[in-house]
Amino acid sequence: MTADTPTDTAIATFAAGCFWCVEAVLERLDGVLDVTSGYMGGGIDNPSYEQVCTGGTGHAEVTQVTFDPTKISFEKLLEYFWRLHDPTTLNRQGNDVGTQYRSAVFYHDEAQLESAEASKAAADRSGAFTDPIVTEITEAQTFYPAEKYHQDYYRSNPSQPYCQYLITPKLDKLGLS
């Protein structure tokens, strides 16, 4: 910890399709201190990307967010979560298909559970989505960081075609370029 690191931090974990996309958005928010891509929600220990990609481990690609709750609330993170992906498609985000791309909020305490449920209900009622939200809200399990080459992917590979066609427009849409 540095002198600038707050002593009171919180953790949030989101699954919203490819973790590269989610990480690129969330790491740009004021109050977010760190975003780590990884895996959660499956049945094996220390899964690899290749194992998770088969869809057979039960893990989702997730981003674990360390944030300063005095600068950004869990509820504000949820607002971005609903906007950064399509929470109405089951096990799919665009061309990424499989349970590893499901939409999920993995809550870390009762307050996050209550906030996530209320936020989901509000987003569903908002009219922003034509179809019902299918996002699962489930208790956080063991977080397994993804391989090093997945971390800060957009920042390290902004001209990669996937980034150019999917992530850059998403950042523009959210005003986070």
N, C-alpha and C. Protein backbone atom coordinates (compact mmCIF):
# COMPACT_ATOMS: atom_id res chain seq x y z
N MET A 1 0.83 -1.17 0.00
CA MET A 1 0.00 0.00 0.00
C MET A 1 0.87 1.24 0.00
N THR A 2 0.45 2.22 -0.78
CA THR A 2 1.17 3.49 -0.80
C THR A 2 0.45 4.47 0.11
N ALA A 3 1.04 5.62 0.30
CA ALA A 3 0.42 6.65 1.14
C ALA A 3 -0.90 7.11 0.54
N ASP A 4 -1.06 6.99 -0.78
CA ASP A 4 -2.28 7.42 -1.45
C ASP A 4 -3.37 6.36 -1.44
N THR A 5 -3.06 5.14 -1.03
CA THR A 5 -4.05 4.07 -1.04
C THR A 5 -4.95 4.21 0.19
N PRO A 6 -6.27 4.27 -0.03
CA PRO A 6 -7.17 4.37 1.12
C PRO A 6 -7.10 3.11 1.98
N THR A 7 -7.32 3.29 3.27
CA THR A 7 -7.29 2.14 4.17
C THR A 7 -8.60 1.36 4.13
N ASP A 8 -9.69 2.01 3.71
CA ASP A 8 -10.99 1.35 3.64
C ASP A 8 -11.35 1.11 2.18
N THR A 9 -11.16 -0.10 1.75
CA THR A 9 -11.50 -0.45 0.37
C THR A 9 -12.56 -1.54 0.39
N ALA A 10 -13.19 -1.75 -0.76
CA ALA A 10 -14.20 -2.79 -0.90
C ALA A 10 -13.93 -3.55 -2.18
N ILE A 11 -14.55 -4.72 -2.28
CA ILE A 11 -14.39 -5.59 -3.45
C ILE A 11 -15.76 -5.82 -4.08
N ALA A 12 -15.81 -5.81 -5.39
CA ALA A 12 -17.00 -6.18 -6.15
C ALA A 12 -16.54 -7.14 -7.25
N THR A 13 -17.40 -8.08 -7.60
CA THR A 13 -17.05 -9.04 -8.66
C THR A 13 -18.22 -9.14 -9.64
N PHE A 14 -17.90 -8.91 -10.92
CA PHE A 14 -18.91 -8.90 -11.97
C PHE A 14 -18.52 -9.82 -13.12
N ALA A 15 -19.52 -10.48 -13.69
CA ALA A 15 -19.36 -11.24 -14.93
C ALA A 15 -20.30 -10.60 -15.95
N ALA A 16 -19.77 -10.25 -17.09
CA ALA A 16 -20.57 -9.56 -18.11
C ALA A 16 -20.01 -9.85 -19.50
N GLY A 17 -19.73 -11.11 -19.78
CA GLY A 17 -19.11 -11.46 -21.05
C GLY A 17 -17.59 -11.50 -20.90
N CYS A 18 -16.92 -11.15 -21.96
CA CYS A 18 -15.46 -11.18 -21.99
C CYS A 18 -14.88 -10.23 -20.95
N PHE A 19 -13.99 -10.74 -20.11
CA PHE A 19 -13.45 -9.90 -19.05
C PHE A 19 -12.60 -8.76 -19.58
N TRP A 20 -12.08 -8.87 -20.79
CA TRP A 20 -11.30 -7.77 -21.35
C TRP A 20 -12.17 -6.52 -21.47
N CYS A 21 -13.40 -6.70 -21.92
CA CYS A 21 -14.33 -5.57 -22.10
C CYS A 21 -14.70 -4.95 -20.77
N VAL A 22 -15.03 -5.76 -19.81
CA VAL A 22 -15.47 -5.28 -18.51
C VAL A 22 -14.33 -4.55 -17.81
N GLU A 23 -13.16 -5.14 -17.83
CA GLU A 23 -11.99 -4.53 -17.20
C GLU A 23 -11.70 -3.15 -17.80
N ALA A 24 -11.77 -3.04 -19.13
CA ALA A 24 -11.45 -1.78 -19.81
C ALA A 24 -12.39 -0.66 -19.38
N VAL A 25 -13.64 -0.99 -19.12
CA VAL A 25 -14.60 0.01 -18.66
C VAL A 25 -14.36 0.37 -17.20
N LEU A 26 -14.38 -0.63 -16.34
CA LEU A 26 -14.35 -0.37 -14.90
C LEU A 26 -13.06 0.28 -14.42
N GLU A 27 -11.93 -0.03 -15.05
CA GLU A 27 -10.68 0.55 -14.58
C GLU A 27 -10.59 2.05 -14.87
N ARG A 28 -11.51 2.58 -15.66
CA ARG A 28 -11.51 4.01 -15.98
C ARG A 28 -12.36 4.85 -15.01
N LEU A 29 -13.03 4.20 -14.09
CA LEU A 29 -13.93 4.92 -13.19
C LEU A 29 -13.17 5.48 -11.99
N ASP A 30 -13.45 6.74 -11.67
CA ASP A 30 -12.83 7.37 -10.51
C ASP A 30 -13.26 6.64 -9.25
N GLY A 31 -12.32 6.26 -8.45
CA GLY A 31 -12.60 5.52 -7.22
C GLY A 31 -12.29 4.05 -7.34
N VAL A 32 -12.12 3.57 -8.59
CA VAL A 32 -11.71 2.18 -8.79
C VAL A 32 -10.20 2.14 -8.69
N LEU A 33 -9.71 1.31 -7.78
CA LEU A 33 -8.28 1.25 -7.51
C LEU A 33 -7.58 0.16 -8.30
N ASP A 34 -8.29 -0.96 -8.54
CA ASP A 34 -7.68 -2.07 -9.26
C ASP A 34 -8.79 -2.94 -9.85
N VAL A 35 -8.53 -3.47 -11.02
CA VAL A 35 -9.44 -4.42 -11.66
C VAL A 35 -8.60 -5.60 -12.11
N THR A 36 -8.98 -6.79 -11.69
CA THR A 36 -8.26 -8.00 -12.05
C THR A 36 -9.21 -8.95 -12.76
N SER A 37 -8.81 -9.40 -13.94
CA SER A 37 -9.60 -10.38 -14.68
C SER A 37 -9.35 -11.76 -14.09
N GLY A 38 -10.40 -12.58 -14.07
CA GLY A 38 -10.25 -13.92 -13.52
C GLY A 38 -11.48 -14.78 -13.72
N TYR A 39 -11.61 -15.78 -12.86
CA TYR A 39 -12.66 -16.78 -12.99
C TYR A 39 -13.32 -17.00 -11.63
N MET A 40 -14.63 -17.24 -11.64
CA MET A 40 -15.36 -17.52 -10.41
C MET A 40 -16.60 -18.33 -10.77
N GLY A 41 -17.07 -19.08 -9.79
CA GLY A 41 -18.36 -19.73 -9.92
C GLY A 41 -18.34 -21.14 -10.46
N GLY A 42 -17.18 -21.74 -10.53
CA GLY A 42 -17.08 -23.08 -11.09
C GLY A 42 -16.72 -24.14 -10.08
N GLY A 43 -16.48 -25.35 -10.60
CA GLY A 43 -16.29 -26.50 -9.74
C GLY A 43 -14.89 -27.06 -9.65
N ILE A 44 -13.91 -26.40 -10.26
CA ILE A 44 -12.55 -26.91 -10.13
C ILE A 44 -11.64 -25.80 -9.60
N ASP A 45 -10.57 -26.18 -8.95
CA ASP A 45 -9.60 -25.22 -8.42
C ASP A 45 -8.62 -24.80 -9.50
N ASN A 46 -8.23 -23.54 -9.44
CA ASN A 46 -7.19 -22.99 -10.33
C ASN A 46 -7.42 -23.31 -11.81
N PRO A 47 -8.59 -22.96 -12.35
CA PRO A 47 -8.83 -23.27 -13.76
C PRO A 47 -7.96 -22.42 -14.67
N SER A 48 -7.65 -22.96 -15.82
CA SER A 48 -6.93 -22.21 -16.85
C SER A 48 -7.94 -21.60 -17.81
N TYR A 49 -7.49 -20.64 -18.58
CA TYR A 49 -8.35 -20.04 -19.61
C TYR A 49 -8.87 -21.11 -20.56
N GLU A 50 -7.99 -22.01 -20.96
CA GLU A 50 -8.39 -23.07 -21.89
C GLU A 50 -9.48 -23.95 -21.29
N GLN A 51 -9.38 -24.26 -20.00
CA GLN A 51 -10.41 -25.07 -19.34
C GLN A 51 -11.73 -24.30 -19.25
N VAL A 52 -11.67 -23.04 -18.88
CA VAL A 52 -12.88 -22.24 -18.75
C VAL A 52 -13.57 -22.08 -20.11
N CYS A 53 -12.77 -21.93 -21.17
CA CYS A 53 -13.33 -21.76 -22.51
C CYS A 53 -14.15 -22.96 -22.99
N THR A 54 -13.92 -24.12 -22.42
CA THR A 54 -14.70 -25.29 -22.83
C THR A 54 -16.13 -25.19 -22.34
N GLY A 55 -16.37 -24.35 -21.33
CA GLY A 55 -17.69 -24.26 -20.73
C GLY A 55 -17.97 -25.36 -19.74
N GLY A 56 -17.03 -26.27 -19.56
CA GLY A 56 -17.25 -27.42 -18.69
C GLY A 56 -16.87 -27.23 -17.24
N THR A 57 -16.24 -26.12 -16.88
CA THR A 57 -15.81 -25.93 -15.49
C THR A 57 -16.87 -25.26 -14.63
N GLY A 58 -17.81 -24.59 -15.27
CA GLY A 58 -18.83 -23.84 -14.55
C GLY A 58 -18.40 -22.43 -14.17
N HIS A 59 -17.14 -22.08 -14.43
CA HIS A 59 -16.66 -20.74 -14.10
C HIS A 59 -17.17 -19.72 -15.11
N ALA A 60 -17.29 -18.49 -14.63
CA ALA A 60 -17.55 -17.35 -15.50
C ALA A 60 -16.28 -16.52 -15.59
N GLU A 61 -16.09 -15.86 -16.72
CA GLU A 61 -15.05 -14.84 -16.80
C GLU A 61 -15.55 -13.67 -15.99
N VAL A 62 -14.77 -13.23 -15.01
CA VAL A 62 -15.18 -12.15 -14.12
C VAL A 62 -14.10 -11.09 -14.02
N THR A 63 -14.50 -9.95 -13.50
CA THR A 63 -13.55 -8.93 -13.09
C THR A 63 -13.77 -8.68 -11.62
N GLN A 64 -12.68 -8.70 -10.87
CA GLN A 64 -12.76 -8.38 -9.45
C GLN A 64 -12.24 -6.97 -9.29
N VAL A 65 -13.08 -6.13 -8.71
CA VAL A 65 -12.83 -4.70 -8.62
C VAL A 65 -12.54 -4.32 -7.17
N THR A 66 -11.41 -3.69 -6.95
CA THR A 66 -11.10 -3.10 -5.65
C THR A 66 -11.39 -1.61 -5.79
N PHE A 67 -12.26 -1.11 -4.90
CA PHE A 67 -12.65 0.29 -5.05
C PHE A 67 -12.69 1.01 -3.70
N ASP A 68 -12.63 2.33 -3.78
CA ASP A 68 -12.70 3.20 -2.62
C ASP A 68 -14.16 3.62 -2.46
N PRO A 69 -14.88 3.07 -1.48
CA PRO A 69 -16.30 3.39 -1.36
C PRO A 69 -16.59 4.84 -0.97
N THR A 70 -15.55 5.61 -0.60
CA THR A 70 -15.77 7.03 -0.35
C THR A 70 -15.77 7.83 -1.65
N LYS A 71 -15.30 7.19 -2.74
CA LYS A 71 -15.26 7.87 -4.05
C LYS A 71 -16.27 7.31 -5.04
N ILE A 72 -16.55 6.01 -4.96
CA ILE A 72 -17.53 5.39 -5.86
C ILE A 72 -18.24 4.30 -5.07
N SER A 73 -19.54 4.29 -5.19
CA SER A 73 -20.32 3.32 -4.43
C SER A 73 -20.51 2.03 -5.23
N PHE A 74 -20.85 0.97 -4.52
CA PHE A 74 -21.20 -0.28 -5.18
C PHE A 74 -22.38 -0.06 -6.12
N GLU A 75 -23.33 0.77 -5.69
CA GLU A 75 -24.51 1.06 -6.52
C GLU A 75 -24.11 1.75 -7.83
N LYS A 76 -23.13 2.64 -7.78
CA LYS A 76 -22.66 3.31 -9.01
C LYS A 76 -21.96 2.29 -9.92
N LEU A 77 -21.20 1.37 -9.34
CA LEU A 77 -20.59 0.31 -10.13
C LEU A 77 -21.68 -0.53 -10.82
N LEU A 78 -22.76 -0.81 -10.09
CA LEU A 78 -23.87 -1.56 -10.68
C LEU A 78 -24.49 -0.80 -11.86
N GLU A 79 -24.61 0.51 -11.75
CA GLU A 79 -25.14 1.30 -12.87
C GLU A 79 -24.30 1.09 -14.13
N TYR A 80 -22.99 1.12 -13.98
CA TYR A 80 -22.11 0.87 -15.13
C TYR A 80 -22.24 -0.58 -15.60
N PHE A 81 -22.34 -1.51 -14.66
CA PHE A 81 -22.49 -2.92 -15.01
C PHE A 81 -23.67 -3.13 -15.94
N TRP A 82 -24.83 -2.56 -15.64
CA TRP A 82 -26.01 -2.75 -16.49
C TRP A 82 -25.81 -2.15 -17.86
N ARG A 83 -25.06 -1.06 -17.95
CA ARG A 83 -24.87 -0.37 -19.22
C ARG A 83 -23.76 -0.96 -20.09
N LEU A 84 -22.81 -1.68 -19.49
CA LEU A 84 -21.64 -2.11 -20.27
C LEU A 84 -21.85 -3.44 -20.99
N HIS A 85 -23.02 -4.09 -20.78
CA HIS A 85 -23.28 -5.35 -21.48
C HIS A 85 -24.79 -5.53 -21.64
N ASP A 86 -25.18 -6.61 -22.29
CA ASP A 86 -26.60 -6.92 -22.44
C ASP A 86 -26.97 -7.96 -21.40
N PRO A 87 -27.62 -7.53 -20.31
CA PRO A 87 -27.96 -8.47 -19.24
C PRO A 87 -29.19 -9.32 -19.54
N THR A 88 -29.70 -9.22 -20.77
CA THR A 88 -30.91 -9.98 -21.12
C THR A 88 -30.61 -11.22 -21.93
N THR A 89 -29.36 -11.44 -22.27
CA THR A 89 -29.00 -12.62 -23.06
C THR A 89 -28.38 -13.66 -22.15
N LEU A 90 -28.91 -14.86 -22.18
CA LEU A 90 -28.45 -15.93 -21.31
C LEU A 90 -27.19 -16.57 -21.88
N ASN A 91 -26.12 -16.54 -21.12
CA ASN A 91 -24.87 -17.21 -21.50
C ASN A 91 -24.33 -16.73 -22.84
N ARG A 92 -24.44 -15.42 -23.07
CA ARG A 92 -23.97 -14.88 -24.34
C ARG A 92 -23.78 -13.38 -24.24
N GLN A 93 -22.71 -12.92 -24.86
CA GLN A 93 -22.50 -11.50 -25.12
C GLN A 93 -21.95 -11.40 -26.52
N GLY A 94 -22.77 -10.93 -27.45
CA GLY A 94 -22.35 -10.84 -28.85
C GLY A 94 -21.99 -12.21 -29.38
N ASN A 95 -20.80 -12.32 -29.96
CA ASN A 95 -20.33 -13.60 -30.51
C ASN A 95 -19.74 -14.53 -29.47
N ASP A 96 -19.59 -14.05 -28.23
CA ASP A 96 -19.06 -14.88 -27.15
C ASP A 96 -20.22 -15.67 -26.54
N VAL A 97 -20.20 -16.99 -26.71
CA VAL A 97 -21.30 -17.83 -26.28
C VAL A 97 -20.81 -18.92 -25.34
N GLY A 98 -21.56 -19.17 -24.28
CA GLY A 98 -21.24 -20.21 -23.31
C GLY A 98 -21.47 -19.71 -21.90
N THR A 99 -21.58 -20.63 -20.97
CA THR A 99 -21.83 -20.25 -19.58
C THR A 99 -20.72 -19.38 -19.01
N GLN A 100 -19.52 -19.47 -19.57
CA GLN A 100 -18.41 -18.65 -19.08
C GLN A 100 -18.63 -17.17 -19.40
N TYR A 101 -19.60 -16.85 -20.27
CA TYR A 101 -19.90 -15.46 -20.64
C TYR A 101 -21.21 -14.97 -20.03
N ARG A 102 -21.71 -15.69 -19.01
CA ARG A 102 -22.98 -15.31 -18.40
C ARG A 102 -22.86 -13.96 -17.68
N SER A 103 -24.01 -13.38 -17.45
CA SER A 103 -24.11 -12.14 -16.71
C SER A 103 -24.36 -12.48 -15.25
N ALA A 104 -23.50 -11.96 -14.36
CA ALA A 104 -23.64 -12.28 -12.94
C ALA A 104 -23.03 -11.19 -12.07
N VAL A 105 -23.66 -11.01 -10.92
CA VAL A 105 -23.09 -10.22 -9.85
C VAL A 105 -22.79 -11.21 -8.73
N PHE A 106 -21.53 -11.30 -8.36
CA PHE A 106 -21.12 -12.16 -7.26
C PHE A 106 -20.98 -11.26 -6.03
N TYR A 107 -21.93 -11.36 -5.12
CA TYR A 107 -21.94 -10.46 -3.97
C TYR A 107 -21.02 -10.96 -2.85
N HIS A 108 -20.43 -9.99 -2.13
CA HIS A 108 -19.47 -10.31 -1.07
C HIS A 108 -20.03 -10.14 0.33
N ASP A 109 -21.21 -9.54 0.45
CA ASP A 109 -21.86 -9.41 1.76
C ASP A 109 -23.35 -9.14 1.54
N GLU A 110 -24.09 -9.10 2.64
CA GLU A 110 -25.55 -8.92 2.56
C GLU A 110 -25.92 -7.57 1.95
N ALA A 111 -25.15 -6.54 2.25
CA ALA A 111 -25.44 -5.22 1.69
C ALA A 111 -25.32 -5.25 0.16
N GLN A 112 -24.29 -5.91 -0.36
CA GLN A 112 -24.15 -6.03 -1.82
C GLN A 112 -25.29 -6.86 -2.40
N LEU A 113 -25.71 -7.90 -1.72
CA LEU A 113 -26.83 -8.71 -2.19
C LEU A 113 -28.08 -7.84 -2.31
N GLU A 114 -28.39 -7.10 -1.27
CA GLU A 114 -29.58 -6.24 -1.28
C GLU A 114 -29.48 -5.18 -2.38
N SER A 115 -28.32 -4.55 -2.51
CA SER A 115 -28.13 -3.53 -3.54
C SER A 115 -28.26 -4.11 -4.94
N ALA A 116 -27.66 -5.28 -5.14
CA ALA A 116 -27.72 -5.92 -6.46
C ALA A 116 -29.14 -6.30 -6.83
N GLU A 117 -29.89 -6.85 -5.89
CA GLU A 117 -31.28 -7.22 -6.18
C GLU A 117 -32.13 -5.99 -6.48
N ALA A 118 -31.97 -4.93 -5.69
CA ALA A 118 -32.73 -3.70 -5.92
C ALA A 118 -32.35 -3.06 -7.25
N SER A 119 -31.05 -3.05 -7.55
CA SER A 119 -30.58 -2.46 -8.80
C SER A 119 -31.07 -3.25 -10.01
N LYS A 120 -31.06 -4.57 -9.91
CA LYS A 120 -31.56 -5.41 -10.99
C LYS A 120 -33.04 -5.15 -11.23
N ALA A 121 -33.82 -5.08 -10.16
CA ALA A 121 -35.25 -4.82 -10.29
C ALA A 121 -35.50 -3.45 -10.93
N ALA A 122 -34.74 -2.45 -10.51
CA ALA A 122 -34.89 -1.11 -11.08
C ALA A 122 -34.49 -1.09 -12.55
N ALA A 123 -33.41 -1.76 -12.89
CA ALA A 123 -32.97 -1.82 -14.29
C ALA A 123 -34.01 -2.54 -15.14
N ASP A 124 -34.60 -3.59 -14.61
CA ASP A 124 -35.64 -4.34 -15.33
C ASP A 124 -36.87 -3.46 -15.57
N ARG A 125 -37.24 -2.66 -14.60
CA ARG A 125 -38.42 -1.79 -14.71
C ARG A 125 -38.16 -0.55 -15.56
N SER A 126 -36.90 -0.22 -15.77
CA SER A 126 -36.54 1.06 -16.38
C SER A 126 -36.98 1.21 -17.83
N GLY A 127 -37.21 0.10 -18.51
CA GLY A 127 -37.54 0.18 -19.93
C GLY A 127 -36.32 0.26 -20.82
N ALA A 128 -35.15 0.22 -20.22
CA ALA A 128 -33.91 0.29 -21.01
C ALA A 128 -33.69 -0.99 -21.82
N PHE A 129 -34.33 -2.08 -21.39
CA PHE A 129 -34.14 -3.37 -22.05
C PHE A 129 -35.49 -3.91 -22.53
N THR A 130 -35.50 -4.43 -23.74
CA THR A 130 -36.74 -4.98 -24.30
C THR A 130 -37.11 -6.29 -23.64
N ASP A 131 -36.11 -7.10 -23.35
CA ASP A 131 -36.32 -8.42 -22.75
C ASP A 131 -36.00 -8.37 -21.26
N PRO A 132 -36.47 -9.35 -20.50
CA PRO A 132 -36.17 -9.39 -19.07
C PRO A 132 -34.68 -9.64 -18.80
N ILE A 133 -34.18 -9.08 -17.73
CA ILE A 133 -32.80 -9.28 -17.31
C ILE A 133 -32.66 -10.70 -16.76
N VAL A 134 -31.61 -11.41 -17.20
CA VAL A 134 -31.36 -12.79 -16.77
C VAL A 134 -30.12 -12.90 -15.88
N THR A 135 -29.57 -11.79 -15.48
CA THR A 135 -28.36 -11.76 -14.65
C THR A 135 -28.58 -12.54 -13.36
N GLU A 136 -27.63 -13.42 -13.05
CA GLU A 136 -27.70 -14.14 -11.78
C GLU A 136 -27.02 -13.31 -10.70
N ILE A 137 -27.56 -13.39 -9.52
CA ILE A 137 -26.96 -12.74 -8.35
C ILE A 137 -26.67 -13.87 -7.38
N THR A 138 -25.39 -14.10 -7.17
CA THR A 138 -24.99 -15.25 -6.38
C THR A 138 -23.81 -14.90 -5.47
N GLU A 139 -23.68 -15.63 -4.40
CA GLU A 139 -22.62 -15.36 -3.44
C GLU A 139 -21.24 -15.59 -4.07
N ALA A 140 -20.33 -14.67 -3.76
CA ALA A 140 -18.96 -14.80 -4.27
C ALA A 140 -18.32 -16.08 -3.76
N GLN A 141 -17.56 -16.68 -4.63
CA GLN A 141 -16.80 -17.88 -4.30
C GLN A 141 -15.31 -17.56 -4.44
N THR A 142 -14.50 -18.56 -4.49
CA THR A 142 -13.07 -18.34 -4.66
C THR A 142 -12.81 -17.67 -6.01
N PHE A 143 -12.01 -16.61 -5.97
CA PHE A 143 -11.61 -15.89 -7.17
C PHE A 143 -10.25 -16.41 -7.62
N TYR A 144 -10.18 -16.77 -8.89
CA TYR A 144 -8.92 -17.24 -9.47
C TYR A 144 -8.48 -16.22 -10.52
N PRO A 145 -7.39 -15.49 -10.28
CA PRO A 145 -6.92 -14.53 -11.28
C PRO A 145 -6.61 -15.24 -12.60
N ALA A 146 -6.95 -14.58 -13.68
CA ALA A 146 -6.63 -15.10 -15.01
C ALA A 146 -5.12 -14.97 -15.25
N GLU A 147 -4.69 -15.64 -16.28
CA GLU A 147 -3.28 -15.61 -16.67
C GLU A 147 -2.83 -14.16 -16.92
N LYS A 148 -1.54 -13.93 -16.71
CA LYS A 148 -0.97 -12.58 -16.81
C LYS A 148 -1.31 -11.89 -18.14
N TYR A 149 -1.32 -12.62 -19.24
CA TYR A 149 -1.56 -11.97 -20.54
C TYR A 149 -2.99 -11.44 -20.69
N HIS A 150 -3.90 -11.83 -19.79
CA HIS A 150 -5.27 -11.31 -19.83
C HIS A 150 -5.41 -10.00 -19.04
N GLN A 151 -4.47 -9.70 -18.17
CA GLN A 151 -4.58 -8.51 -17.32
C GLN A 151 -4.27 -7.25 -18.11
N ASP A 152 -5.10 -6.23 -17.89
CA ASP A 152 -4.94 -4.93 -18.59
C ASP A 152 -4.86 -5.13 -20.10
N TYR A 153 -5.67 -6.03 -20.61
CA TYR A 153 -5.56 -6.43 -22.02
C TYR A 153 -5.77 -5.26 -22.97
N TYR A 154 -6.81 -4.49 -22.76
CA TYR A 154 -7.08 -3.38 -23.67
C TYR A 154 -5.98 -2.34 -23.61
N ARG A 155 -5.54 -2.02 -22.41
CA ARG A 155 -4.47 -1.04 -22.25
C ARG A 155 -3.20 -1.49 -22.98
N SER A 156 -2.92 -2.80 -22.96
CA SER A 156 -1.71 -3.33 -23.59
C SER A 156 -1.88 -3.61 -25.09
N ASN A 157 -3.12 -3.75 -25.55
CA ASN A 157 -3.38 -4.16 -26.94
C ASN A 157 -4.48 -3.33 -27.61
N PRO A 158 -4.43 -2.00 -27.53
CA PRO A 158 -5.55 -1.19 -28.02
C PRO A 158 -5.80 -1.31 -29.53
N SER A 159 -4.79 -1.69 -30.29
CA SER A 159 -5.00 -1.80 -31.73
C SER A 159 -5.35 -3.21 -32.19
N GLN A 160 -5.44 -4.15 -31.24
CA GLN A 160 -5.85 -5.51 -31.58
C GLN A 160 -7.28 -5.44 -32.13
N PRO A 161 -7.61 -6.18 -33.20
CA PRO A 161 -8.94 -6.06 -33.83
C PRO A 161 -10.12 -6.24 -32.86
N TYR A 162 -10.06 -7.20 -31.96
CA TYR A 162 -11.15 -7.40 -31.00
C TYR A 162 -11.37 -6.12 -30.19
N CYS A 163 -10.27 -5.52 -29.76
CA CYS A 163 -10.36 -4.28 -28.98
C CYS A 163 -10.95 -3.15 -29.81
N GLN A 164 -10.49 -3.01 -31.04
CA GLN A 164 -10.97 -1.95 -31.91
C GLN A 164 -12.46 -2.07 -32.23
N TYR A 165 -12.93 -3.28 -32.45
CA TYR A 165 -14.32 -3.48 -32.86
C TYR A 165 -15.29 -3.58 -31.70
N LEU A 166 -14.84 -3.99 -30.54
CA LEU A 166 -15.76 -4.18 -29.42
C LEU A 166 -15.53 -3.24 -28.23
N ILE A 167 -14.29 -3.12 -27.83
CA ILE A 167 -14.04 -2.37 -26.60
C ILE A 167 -14.03 -0.86 -26.84
N THR A 168 -13.34 -0.39 -27.87
CA THR A 168 -13.27 1.05 -28.13
C THR A 168 -14.67 1.65 -28.31
N PRO A 169 -15.55 1.05 -29.11
CA PRO A 169 -16.91 1.62 -29.23
C PRO A 169 -17.68 1.60 -27.90
N LYS A 170 -17.46 0.60 -27.09
CA LYS A 170 -18.14 0.51 -25.78
C LYS A 170 -17.66 1.68 -24.89
N LEU A 171 -16.37 1.93 -24.88
CA LEU A 171 -15.84 3.04 -24.09
C LEU A 171 -16.40 4.38 -24.59
N ASP A 172 -16.47 4.52 -25.91
CA ASP A 172 -17.03 5.74 -26.50
C ASP A 172 -18.49 5.92 -26.08
N LYS A 173 -19.27 4.85 -26.16
CA LYS A 173 -20.69 4.87 -25.81
C LYS A 173 -20.90 5.31 -24.35
N LEU A 174 -20.02 4.86 -23.48
CA LEU A 174 -20.13 5.18 -22.05
C LEU A 174 -19.41 6.47 -21.67
N GLY A 175 -18.81 7.15 -22.65
CA GLY A 175 -18.10 8.39 -22.37
C GLY A 175 -16.81 8.20 -21.60
N LEU A 176 -16.16 7.06 -21.80
CA LEU A 176 -14.95 6.73 -21.03
C LEU A 176 -13.71 6.57 -21.91
N SER A 177 -13.71 7.13 -23.07
CA SER A 177 -12.57 6.98 -23.99
C SER A 177 -11.30 7.54 -23.41
